Amino acid sequence: MHEYSIVQSLVDSVAAAVGDREATVRRIDVAIGEVAGVDYGLLTTAFEVFRDGTLCEHAELTIDRIPARWECARCGVDLPRGGFLRCARCNVPARLAAGDEIVLQRIELEVA
């Protein structure tokens, strides 16, 4: 279950961003692509378990789900979902343009 390692990296990134500020982390927003290989439910559960005793102990985790988007590697045209992964115009294999990312988007802090 690699969701725990993702949560560890997430908490480490939050700690690095917060630094030595006297603050409480209240919310963390993360964007995760649908083909990133992450189970959203397992990630949420891993966060609930792992955050105890960390600076994210009282934080809410919000996940923004990014749909997969494929485009032609040559002309850049978006290819329809569920279609062939080859451009009808160029006959070139598609490339994944979005949907495999895991991005820490926002950290909401409460400052004393």
Protein backbone atom coordinates (compact mmCIF):
# COMPACT_ATOMS: atom_id res chain seq x y z
CA MET A 1 0.00 0.00 0.00
CA HIS A 2 2.02 2.97 -1.27
CA GLU A 3 -0.59 5.43 -0.03
CA TYR A 4 1.28 5.55 3.30
CA SER A 5 4.48 6.64 1.57
CA ILE A 6 2.51 9.30 -0.29
CA VAL A 7 1.11 10.56 3.02
CA GLN A 8 4.62 10.55 4.52
CA SER A 9 5.87 12.67 1.62
CA LEU A 10 2.87 14.95 1.94
CA VAL A 11 3.44 15.52 5.66
CA ASP A 12 7.16 16.10 5.01
CA SER A 13 6.32 18.67 2.31
CA VAL A 14 3.91 20.45 4.64
CA ALA A 15 6.55 20.51 7.40
CA ALA A 16 9.11 21.98 5.00
CA ALA A 17 6.66 24.64 3.82
CA VAL A 18 5.57 25.60 7.35
CA GLY A 19 9.16 25.70 8.59
CA ASP A 20 9.58 27.13 12.07
CA ARG A 21 6.37 29.21 12.04
CA GLU A 22 4.18 29.03 15.11
CA ALA A 23 1.11 27.75 13.28
CA THR A 24 -1.44 24.96 13.20
CA VAL A 25 -2.17 23.25 9.90
CA ARG A 26 -5.94 23.29 9.37
CA ARG A 27 -6.35 22.11 5.79
CA ILE A 28 -4.31 20.51 3.04
CA ASP A 29 -5.48 20.54 -0.58
CA VAL A 30 -4.00 17.93 -2.90
CA ALA A 31 -4.62 17.32 -6.62
CA ILE A 32 -4.37 13.68 -7.71
CA GLY A 33 -4.74 12.40 -11.23
CA GLU A 34 -7.07 9.51 -11.94
CA VAL A 35 -4.25 7.45 -13.47
CA ALA A 36 -1.69 8.26 -10.76
CA GLY A 37 -2.24 4.84 -9.24
CA VAL A 38 -3.64 6.20 -5.98
CA ASP A 39 -6.72 4.81 -4.25
CA TYR A 40 -8.46 7.92 -2.90
CA GLY A 41 -10.16 6.03 -0.05
CA LEU A 42 -6.93 4.36 1.05
CA LEU A 43 -5.10 7.69 0.89
CA THR A 44 -7.72 9.33 3.11
CA THR A 45 -7.52 6.45 5.59
CA ALA A 46 -3.71 6.53 5.56
CA PHE A 47 -3.80 10.27 6.24
CA GLU A 48 -6.19 9.82 9.18
CA VAL A 49 -3.88 7.20 10.72
CA PHE A 50 -0.51 8.76 9.90
CA ARG A 51 -1.23 12.38 10.88
CA ASP A 52 -1.46 11.61 14.61
CA GLY A 53 1.47 13.23 16.39
CA THR A 54 2.45 15.35 13.37
CA LEU A 55 1.86 19.01 12.60
CA CYS A 56 -1.03 17.81 10.39
CA GLU A 57 -2.79 16.20 13.35
CA HIS A 58 -5.78 18.56 13.14
CA ALA A 59 -5.73 19.12 9.38
CA GLU A 60 -8.50 18.26 6.96
CA LEU A 61 -7.38 16.61 3.71
CA THR A 62 -9.15 17.70 0.53
CA ILE A 63 -8.51 15.80 -2.68
CA ASP A 64 -9.12 17.39 -6.08
CA ARG A 65 -9.46 14.59 -8.64
CA ILE A 66 -7.84 15.38 -11.97
CA PRO A 67 -9.28 13.49 -14.96
CA ALA A 68 -6.91 11.86 -17.42
CA ARG A 69 -6.46 13.87 -20.61
CA TRP A 70 -4.71 12.57 -23.70
CA GLU A 71 -3.44 14.64 -26.60
CA CYS A 72 -1.64 14.17 -29.89
CA ALA A 73 2.12 14.29 -29.41
CA ARG A 74 2.51 16.10 -32.74
CA CYS A 75 -0.39 18.57 -33.15
CA GLY A 76 -1.54 18.84 -29.52
CA VAL A 77 -5.24 18.19 -30.21
CA ASP A 78 -7.15 16.67 -27.27
CA LEU A 79 -8.34 13.13 -27.87
CA PRO A 80 -11.83 12.11 -26.71
CA ARG A 81 -12.18 10.00 -23.58
CA GLY A 82 -12.70 6.34 -24.31
CA GLY A 83 -11.43 6.67 -27.87
CA PHE A 84 -8.34 5.36 -29.59
CA LEU A 85 -5.08 6.67 -28.20
CA ARG A 86 -3.91 7.74 -31.63
CA CYS A 87 -4.55 11.05 -33.40
CA ALA A 88 -7.03 10.73 -36.26
CA ARG A 89 -5.31 13.56 -38.16
CA CYS A 90 -1.64 12.73 -37.62
CA ASN A 91 -1.86 9.00 -36.93
CA VAL A 92 0.58 9.57 -34.06
CA PRO A 93 0.27 7.80 -30.66
CA ALA A 94 -1.23 9.94 -27.93
CA ARG A 95 0.61 11.22 -24.89
CA LEU A 96 -0.83 11.69 -21.44
CA ALA A 97 -1.25 15.45 -20.89
CA ALA A 98 -2.86 15.33 -17.43
CA GLY A 99 -4.07 12.83 -14.90
CA ASP A 100 -0.91 11.24 -13.51
CA GLU A 101 0.05 14.02 -11.12
CA ILE A 102 0.10 14.24 -7.32
CA VAL A 103 0.38 17.91 -6.35
CA LEU A 104 0.26 19.65 -2.98
CA GLN A 105 -1.86 22.65 -3.96
CA ARG A 106 -2.54 24.53 -0.75
CA ILE A 107 -1.80 24.54 2.97
CA GLU A 108 -4.18 26.45 5.24
CA LEU A 109 -2.61 27.58 8.50
CA GLU A 110 -3.92 29.10 11.70
CA VAL A 111 -1.30 31.48 13.04
CA ALA A 112 -1.21 32.36 16.74
